[in-house]
């Protein structure tokens, strides 16, 4: 099945889109984690380093040269920081239990998220080139 038009991703009735840091080991692992569990193909993915991802990040107020969040575009909404992770997990089968984290005040969830984002390269590493997941994920990465 061909990917939908890039401009349609994340809009109501269309697949969602996750923008991730393709040189971040943690972020690339997140993309693979979600993709492997997303049998219904709810999400497509783009790296913030791609021309499409960079332009979209800038429109969303994310610095593409120093991204401190990934973004989830789903059903016409944009989710950043801890909301991006929770939103992605909540639509995956078997992950509804993470809804409990919505009870944690957003400012606390985002503080933890921001701490991880600031230290992700030091704690988890950095690739020299974007990790697009190879052939296994080639139909899921766009832009």
N, C-alpha and C. Protein backbone atom coordinates (compact mmCIF):
# COMPACT_ATOMS: atom_id res chain seq x y z
N UNK A 1 0.84 -1.17 0.00
CA UNK A 1 0.00 0.00 0.00
C UNK A 1 0.89 1.24 0.00
N UNK A 2 0.66 2.18 -0.93
CA UNK A 2 1.49 3.38 -0.97
C UNK A 2 1.20 4.30 0.20
N UNK A 3 2.21 5.06 0.58
CA UNK A 3 2.04 6.03 1.67
C UNK A 3 1.10 7.13 1.22
N UNK A 4 0.32 7.66 2.14
CA UNK A 4 -0.54 8.80 1.79
C UNK A 4 0.32 10.02 1.45
N UNK A 5 -0.31 11.03 0.90
CA UNK A 5 0.40 12.28 0.61
C UNK A 5 0.98 12.84 1.90
N UNK A 6 2.20 13.35 1.83
CA UNK A 6 2.87 13.88 3.02
C UNK A 6 2.03 14.95 3.71
N UNK A 7 1.41 15.81 2.92
CA UNK A 7 0.63 16.91 3.51
C UNK A 7 -0.63 16.42 4.22
N UNK A 8 -1.05 15.19 3.97
CA UNK A 8 -2.26 14.66 4.60
C UNK A 8 -1.99 13.95 5.92
N UNK A 9 -0.75 13.54 6.15
CA UNK A 9 -0.43 12.79 7.36
C UNK A 9 -0.77 13.60 8.61
N UNK A 10 -1.42 12.94 9.55
CA UNK A 10 -1.78 13.59 10.81
C UNK A 10 -3.13 14.27 10.79
N UNK A 11 -3.74 14.38 9.62
CA UNK A 11 -5.05 15.03 9.52
C UNK A 11 -6.14 14.02 9.88
N UNK A 12 -7.32 14.51 10.25
CA UNK A 12 -8.42 13.59 10.57
C UNK A 12 -8.69 12.60 9.44
N UNK A 13 -8.85 11.35 9.80
CA UNK A 13 -9.12 10.30 8.82
C UNK A 13 -7.89 9.79 8.08
N UNK A 14 -6.72 10.32 8.38
CA UNK A 14 -5.48 9.92 7.74
C UNK A 14 -4.53 9.31 8.78
N UNK A 15 -3.54 8.54 8.32
CA UNK A 15 -2.56 8.02 9.29
C UNK A 15 -1.84 9.17 10.00
N UNK A 16 -1.37 8.89 11.20
CA UNK A 16 -0.61 9.86 11.96
C UNK A 16 0.83 9.91 11.50
N UNK A 17 1.56 10.85 12.05
CA UNK A 17 2.96 11.03 11.72
C UNK A 17 3.74 11.28 13.00
N UNK A 18 4.87 10.61 13.12
CA UNK A 18 5.78 10.86 14.24
C UNK A 18 7.08 11.41 13.66
N UNK A 19 7.46 12.59 14.15
CA UNK A 19 8.74 13.21 13.79
C UNK A 19 9.73 12.83 14.88
N UNK A 20 10.86 12.24 14.48
CA UNK A 20 11.85 11.83 15.47
C UNK A 20 13.24 12.26 15.05
N UNK A 21 14.14 12.31 16.01
CA UNK A 21 15.55 12.66 15.79
C UNK A 21 16.26 11.40 15.30
N UNK A 22 16.57 11.37 14.01
CA UNK A 22 17.15 10.18 13.38
C UNK A 22 18.58 9.87 13.76
N UNK A 23 19.29 10.81 14.39
CA UNK A 23 20.66 10.52 14.82
C UNK A 23 20.72 10.14 16.29
N UNK A 24 19.62 10.25 17.00
CA UNK A 24 19.53 9.91 18.41
C UNK A 24 19.24 8.40 18.55
N UNK A 25 20.07 7.71 19.28
CA UNK A 25 19.88 6.26 19.47
C UNK A 25 18.56 5.98 20.18
N UNK A 26 18.25 6.75 21.22
CA UNK A 26 16.99 6.56 21.95
C UNK A 26 15.79 6.83 21.04
N UNK A 27 15.83 7.93 20.31
CA UNK A 27 14.70 8.32 19.46
C UNK A 27 14.49 7.31 18.33
N UNK A 28 15.57 6.82 17.76
CA UNK A 28 15.47 5.82 16.70
C UNK A 28 14.91 4.51 17.25
N UNK A 29 15.30 4.19 18.47
CA UNK A 29 14.74 3.00 19.13
C UNK A 29 13.25 3.16 19.37
N UNK A 30 12.83 4.38 19.73
CA UNK A 30 11.41 4.69 19.93
C UNK A 30 10.63 4.48 18.63
N UNK A 31 11.16 5.00 17.53
CA UNK A 31 10.50 4.83 16.24
C UNK A 31 10.33 3.35 15.91
N UNK A 32 11.35 2.55 16.14
CA UNK A 32 11.25 1.10 15.85
C UNK A 32 10.28 0.42 16.81
N UNK A 33 10.30 0.80 18.07
CA UNK A 33 9.40 0.24 19.07
C UNK A 33 7.95 0.46 18.65
N UNK A 34 7.61 1.69 18.31
CA UNK A 34 6.24 2.01 17.91
C UNK A 34 5.90 1.30 16.61
N UNK A 35 6.77 1.36 15.64
CA UNK A 35 6.50 0.76 14.33
C UNK A 35 6.24 -0.75 14.43
N UNK A 36 7.03 -1.45 15.23
CA UNK A 36 6.86 -2.91 15.38
C UNK A 36 5.51 -3.26 15.99
N UNK A 37 4.97 -2.40 16.82
CA UNK A 37 3.71 -2.68 17.51
C UNK A 37 2.50 -2.09 16.80
N UNK A 38 2.73 -1.36 15.75
CA UNK A 38 1.69 -0.64 15.03
C UNK A 38 1.23 -1.45 13.81
N UNK A 39 0.61 -2.59 14.06
CA UNK A 39 0.17 -3.47 12.98
C UNK A 39 -0.90 -2.82 12.10
N UNK A 40 -1.68 -1.91 12.66
CA UNK A 40 -2.73 -1.24 11.89
C UNK A 40 -2.18 -0.07 11.07
N UNK A 41 -0.88 0.18 11.18
CA UNK A 41 -0.22 1.26 10.43
C UNK A 41 -0.89 2.60 10.70
N UNK A 42 -1.06 2.89 11.96
CA UNK A 42 -1.63 4.17 12.38
C UNK A 42 -0.64 5.29 12.10
N UNK A 43 0.66 4.98 12.19
CA UNK A 43 1.70 6.00 12.07
C UNK A 43 2.65 5.76 10.91
N UNK A 44 3.08 6.87 10.34
CA UNK A 44 4.26 6.93 9.50
C UNK A 44 5.27 7.75 10.29
N UNK A 45 6.50 7.78 9.81
CA UNK A 45 7.59 8.42 10.55
C UNK A 45 8.43 9.26 9.60
N UNK A 46 8.99 10.34 10.13
CA UNK A 46 9.96 11.13 9.38
C UNK A 46 11.02 11.62 10.36
N UNK A 47 12.24 11.70 9.88
CA UNK A 47 13.30 12.23 10.75
C UNK A 47 13.28 13.75 10.69
N UNK A 48 13.66 14.34 11.77
CA UNK A 48 13.74 15.80 11.82
C UNK A 48 14.87 16.30 10.92
N UNK A 49 15.78 15.40 10.53
CA UNK A 49 16.90 15.79 9.67
C UNK A 49 16.51 15.80 8.19
N UNK A 50 15.37 15.20 7.83
CA UNK A 50 14.93 15.23 6.43
C UNK A 50 14.40 16.63 6.10
N UNK A 51 14.38 16.97 4.83
CA UNK A 51 13.85 18.29 4.44
C UNK A 51 12.41 18.44 4.90
N UNK A 52 11.61 17.40 4.71
CA UNK A 52 10.20 17.44 5.13
C UNK A 52 10.10 17.59 6.65
N UNK A 53 10.83 16.76 7.39
CA UNK A 53 10.79 16.80 8.85
C UNK A 53 11.29 18.12 9.41
N UNK A 54 12.34 18.63 8.80
CA UNK A 54 12.90 19.92 9.25
C UNK A 54 11.89 21.05 9.08
N UNK A 55 11.27 21.11 7.91
CA UNK A 55 10.28 22.15 7.65
C UNK A 55 9.08 22.04 8.57
N UNK A 56 8.63 20.82 8.79
CA UNK A 56 7.49 20.61 9.68
C UNK A 56 7.84 20.97 11.12
N UNK A 57 9.04 20.57 11.55
CA UNK A 57 9.48 20.91 12.91
C UNK A 57 9.48 22.42 13.11
N UNK A 58 10.00 23.14 12.14
CA UNK A 58 10.05 24.60 12.26
C UNK A 58 8.64 25.18 12.37
N UNK A 59 7.70 24.64 11.60
CA UNK A 59 6.31 25.11 11.69
C UNK A 59 5.72 24.84 13.07
N UNK A 60 6.21 23.78 13.73
CA UNK A 60 5.70 23.41 15.04
C UNK A 60 6.46 24.08 16.19
N UNK A 61 7.46 24.90 15.85
CA UNK A 61 8.24 25.58 16.88
C UNK A 61 9.33 24.74 17.49
N UNK A 62 9.74 23.69 16.78
CA UNK A 62 10.83 22.81 17.25
C UNK A 62 12.10 23.21 16.50
N UNK A 63 13.18 23.42 17.22
CA UNK A 63 14.46 23.74 16.60
C UNK A 63 15.03 22.47 15.98
N UNK A 64 15.07 22.36 14.65
CA UNK A 64 15.56 21.13 14.03
C UNK A 64 17.04 20.86 14.26
N UNK A 65 17.80 21.89 14.64
CA UNK A 65 19.22 21.70 14.93
C UNK A 65 19.47 21.26 16.36
N UNK A 66 18.48 21.42 17.22
CA UNK A 66 18.59 21.01 18.61
C UNK A 66 17.20 20.61 19.11
N UNK A 67 16.63 19.56 18.53
CA UNK A 67 15.26 19.19 18.91
C UNK A 67 15.20 18.67 20.34
N UNK A 68 14.29 19.22 21.11
CA UNK A 68 14.12 18.79 22.49
C UNK A 68 12.83 18.00 22.68
N UNK A 69 12.18 17.65 21.58
CA UNK A 69 10.98 16.83 21.62
C UNK A 69 10.78 16.15 20.28
N UNK A 70 10.11 15.01 20.30
CA UNK A 70 9.58 14.50 19.05
C UNK A 70 8.17 15.06 18.96
N UNK A 71 7.51 14.80 17.87
CA UNK A 71 6.14 15.29 17.70
C UNK A 71 5.28 14.18 17.13
N UNK A 72 4.06 14.12 17.61
CA UNK A 72 3.06 13.19 17.08
C UNK A 72 1.93 14.04 16.51
N UNK A 73 1.63 13.82 15.24
CA UNK A 73 0.50 14.46 14.58
C UNK A 73 -0.54 13.37 14.38
N UNK A 74 -1.71 13.56 14.96
CA UNK A 74 -2.75 12.54 14.90
C UNK A 74 -4.11 13.19 14.96
N UNK A 75 -4.96 12.83 14.02
CA UNK A 75 -6.35 13.33 13.98
C UNK A 75 -6.45 14.84 14.05
N UNK A 76 -5.52 15.53 13.38
CA UNK A 76 -5.55 16.98 13.33
C UNK A 76 -4.95 17.67 14.54
N UNK A 77 -4.40 16.91 15.46
CA UNK A 77 -3.78 17.47 16.66
C UNK A 77 -2.27 17.25 16.64
N UNK A 78 -1.56 18.12 17.33
CA UNK A 78 -0.11 18.00 17.48
C UNK A 78 0.19 17.78 18.95
N UNK A 79 0.99 16.76 19.22
CA UNK A 79 1.37 16.43 20.60
C UNK A 79 2.88 16.53 20.71
N UNK A 80 3.34 17.19 21.76
CA UNK A 80 4.76 17.38 22.01
C UNK A 80 5.12 16.86 23.40
N UNK A 81 6.41 16.68 23.62
CA UNK A 81 6.98 16.25 24.89
C UNK A 81 6.28 15.00 25.42
N UNK A 82 5.93 14.96 26.68
CA UNK A 82 5.36 13.74 27.25
C UNK A 82 4.04 13.35 26.58
N UNK A 83 3.29 14.34 26.12
CA UNK A 83 2.03 14.03 25.43
C UNK A 83 2.28 13.26 24.13
N UNK A 84 3.41 13.51 23.47
CA UNK A 84 3.70 12.79 22.23
C UNK A 84 3.90 11.30 22.51
N UNK A 85 4.66 11.01 23.53
CA UNK A 85 4.92 9.60 23.87
C UNK A 85 3.64 8.90 24.32
N UNK A 86 2.89 9.55 25.19
CA UNK A 86 1.65 8.94 25.68
C UNK A 86 0.64 8.74 24.57
N UNK A 87 0.50 9.72 23.70
CA UNK A 87 -0.46 9.61 22.60
C UNK A 87 -0.11 8.44 21.69
N UNK A 88 1.16 8.31 21.35
CA UNK A 88 1.58 7.19 20.48
C UNK A 88 1.29 5.86 21.15
N UNK A 89 1.64 5.73 22.42
CA UNK A 89 1.43 4.47 23.12
C UNK A 89 -0.06 4.14 23.27
N UNK A 90 -0.87 5.14 23.52
CA UNK A 90 -2.29 4.89 23.79
C UNK A 90 -3.05 4.33 22.59
N UNK A 91 -2.56 4.54 21.40
CA UNK A 91 -3.26 3.99 20.23
C UNK A 91 -2.74 2.61 19.84
N UNK A 92 -1.68 2.16 20.49
CA UNK A 92 -1.13 0.83 20.19
C UNK A 92 -1.86 -0.23 21.00
N UNK A 93 -2.07 -1.40 20.42
CA UNK A 93 -2.76 -2.46 21.16
C UNK A 93 -1.97 -2.88 22.40
N UNK A 94 -2.69 -3.00 23.52
CA UNK A 94 -2.09 -3.48 24.76
C UNK A 94 -1.41 -2.42 25.60
N UNK A 95 -1.43 -1.17 25.16
CA UNK A 95 -0.73 -0.12 25.88
C UNK A 95 -1.66 0.89 26.54
N UNK A 96 -2.93 0.59 26.60
CA UNK A 96 -3.90 1.49 27.22
C UNK A 96 -3.60 1.79 28.68
N UNK A 97 -2.89 0.89 29.34
CA UNK A 97 -2.57 1.07 30.75
C UNK A 97 -1.73 2.32 31.01
N UNK A 98 -1.02 2.83 29.98
CA UNK A 98 -0.18 4.02 30.20
C UNK A 98 -1.04 5.26 30.45
N UNK A 99 -2.34 5.14 30.23
CA UNK A 99 -3.26 6.25 30.50
C UNK A 99 -3.11 6.73 31.95
N UNK A 100 -2.67 5.85 32.83
CA UNK A 100 -2.48 6.22 34.23
C UNK A 100 -1.49 7.38 34.38
N UNK A 101 -0.55 7.50 33.44
CA UNK A 101 0.43 8.59 33.51
C UNK A 101 -0.20 9.95 33.23
N UNK A 102 -1.39 9.95 32.67
CA UNK A 102 -2.11 11.22 32.47
C UNK A 102 -2.53 11.83 33.81
N UNK A 103 -2.53 11.00 34.87
CA UNK A 103 -2.84 11.50 36.21
C UNK A 103 -1.69 12.34 36.79
N UNK A 104 -0.50 12.12 36.27
CA UNK A 104 0.66 12.91 36.70
C UNK A 104 0.53 14.28 36.04
N UNK A 105 0.65 15.35 36.80
CA UNK A 105 0.53 16.68 36.19
C UNK A 105 1.50 16.85 35.01
N UNK A 106 1.00 17.48 33.96
CA UNK A 106 1.77 17.65 32.73
C UNK A 106 3.12 18.32 32.99
N UNK A 107 3.16 19.32 33.86
CA UNK A 107 4.43 20.00 34.10
C UNK A 107 5.48 19.04 34.68
N UNK A 108 5.05 18.05 35.47
CA UNK A 108 6.00 17.06 36.00
C UNK A 108 6.42 16.07 34.92
N UNK A 109 5.45 15.58 34.15
CA UNK A 109 5.77 14.66 33.05
C UNK A 109 6.74 15.33 32.08
N UNK A 110 6.44 16.59 31.73
CA UNK A 110 7.29 17.31 30.78
C UNK A 110 8.67 17.60 31.35
N UNK A 111 8.77 17.82 32.66
CA UNK A 111 10.08 18.05 33.27
C UNK A 111 10.96 16.81 33.14
N UNK A 112 10.39 15.63 33.36
CA UNK A 112 11.14 14.38 33.18
C UNK A 112 11.52 14.20 31.72
N UNK A 113 10.57 14.42 30.83
CA UNK A 113 10.81 14.30 29.39
C UNK A 113 11.95 15.23 28.97
N UNK A 114 11.90 16.48 29.42
CA UNK A 114 12.91 17.47 29.05
C UNK A 114 14.29 17.07 29.55
N UNK A 115 14.36 16.52 30.75
CA UNK A 115 15.65 16.07 31.29
C UNK A 115 16.25 14.96 30.43
N UNK A 116 15.42 14.03 30.02
CA UNK A 116 15.88 12.94 29.15
C UNK A 116 16.30 13.51 27.80
N UNK A 117 15.48 14.39 27.23
CA UNK A 117 15.78 14.98 25.92
C UNK A 117 17.12 15.72 25.93
N UNK A 118 17.38 16.46 26.99
CA UNK A 118 18.63 17.23 27.07
C UNK A 118 19.86 16.34 27.17
N UNK A 119 19.70 15.16 27.74
CA UNK A 119 20.84 14.28 27.99
C UNK A 119 20.87 13.04 27.10
N UNK A 120 19.97 12.95 26.13
CA UNK A 120 19.81 11.71 25.36
C UNK A 120 21.08 11.29 24.63
N UNK A 121 21.83 12.21 24.07
CA UNK A 121 23.05 11.84 23.35
C UNK A 121 24.11 11.31 24.32
N UNK A 122 24.24 11.94 25.48
CA UNK A 122 25.22 11.49 26.47
C UNK A 122 24.83 10.15 27.06
N UNK A 123 23.57 9.96 27.35
CA UNK A 123 23.12 8.74 28.01
C UNK A 123 22.95 7.56 27.05
N UNK A 124 22.48 7.81 25.84
CA UNK A 124 22.12 6.72 24.93
C UNK A 124 22.98 6.66 23.67
N UNK A 125 23.62 7.75 23.30
CA UNK A 125 24.48 7.76 22.13
C UNK A 125 23.86 8.48 20.95
N UNK A 126 24.70 8.61 19.92
CA UNK A 126 24.32 9.35 18.72
C UNK A 126 24.90 8.63 17.51
N UNK A 127 24.09 8.50 16.47
CA UNK A 127 24.55 7.92 15.21
C UNK A 127 25.24 8.99 14.37
N UNK A 128 26.11 8.56 13.49
CA UNK A 128 26.75 9.48 12.56
C UNK A 128 25.80 9.89 11.44
N UNK A 129 24.91 8.97 11.05
CA UNK A 129 23.92 9.25 10.01
C UNK A 129 22.54 8.85 10.54
N UNK A 130 21.50 9.37 9.93
CA UNK A 130 20.13 9.08 10.37
C UNK A 130 19.83 7.60 10.31
N UNK A 131 19.18 7.11 11.33
CA UNK A 131 18.73 5.72 11.38
C UNK A 131 17.30 5.69 10.84
N UNK A 132 17.16 5.12 9.65
CA UNK A 132 15.85 4.98 9.02
C UNK A 132 15.30 3.57 9.19
N UNK A 133 16.02 2.73 9.90
CA UNK A 133 15.53 1.40 10.22
C UNK A 133 15.79 0.34 9.17
N UNK A 134 16.39 0.67 8.05
CA UNK A 134 16.69 -0.31 7.02
C UNK A 134 15.43 -0.77 6.29
N UNK A 135 15.58 -1.86 5.56
CA UNK A 135 14.49 -2.38 4.72
C UNK A 135 13.23 -2.71 5.51
N UNK A 136 13.39 -3.17 6.73
CA UNK A 136 12.23 -3.56 7.55
C UNK A 136 11.25 -2.41 7.74
N UNK A 137 11.74 -1.19 7.74
CA UNK A 137 10.90 -0.03 8.02
C UNK A 137 10.76 0.91 6.82
N UNK A 138 11.25 0.50 5.66
CA UNK A 138 11.31 1.41 4.51
C UNK A 138 9.95 1.94 4.09
N UNK A 139 8.90 1.18 4.26
CA UNK A 139 7.57 1.65 3.89
C UNK A 139 6.93 2.56 4.92
N UNK A 140 7.57 2.71 6.05
CA UNK A 140 7.01 3.52 7.14
C UNK A 140 7.65 4.88 7.28
N UNK A 141 8.86 5.06 6.73
CA UNK A 141 9.58 6.32 6.83
C UNK A 141 9.30 7.12 5.57
N UNK A 142 8.83 8.36 5.76
CA UNK A 142 8.48 9.21 4.62
C UNK A 142 9.29 10.50 4.67
N UNK A 143 9.28 11.19 3.55
CA UNK A 143 9.92 12.51 3.49
C UNK A 143 11.38 12.40 3.35
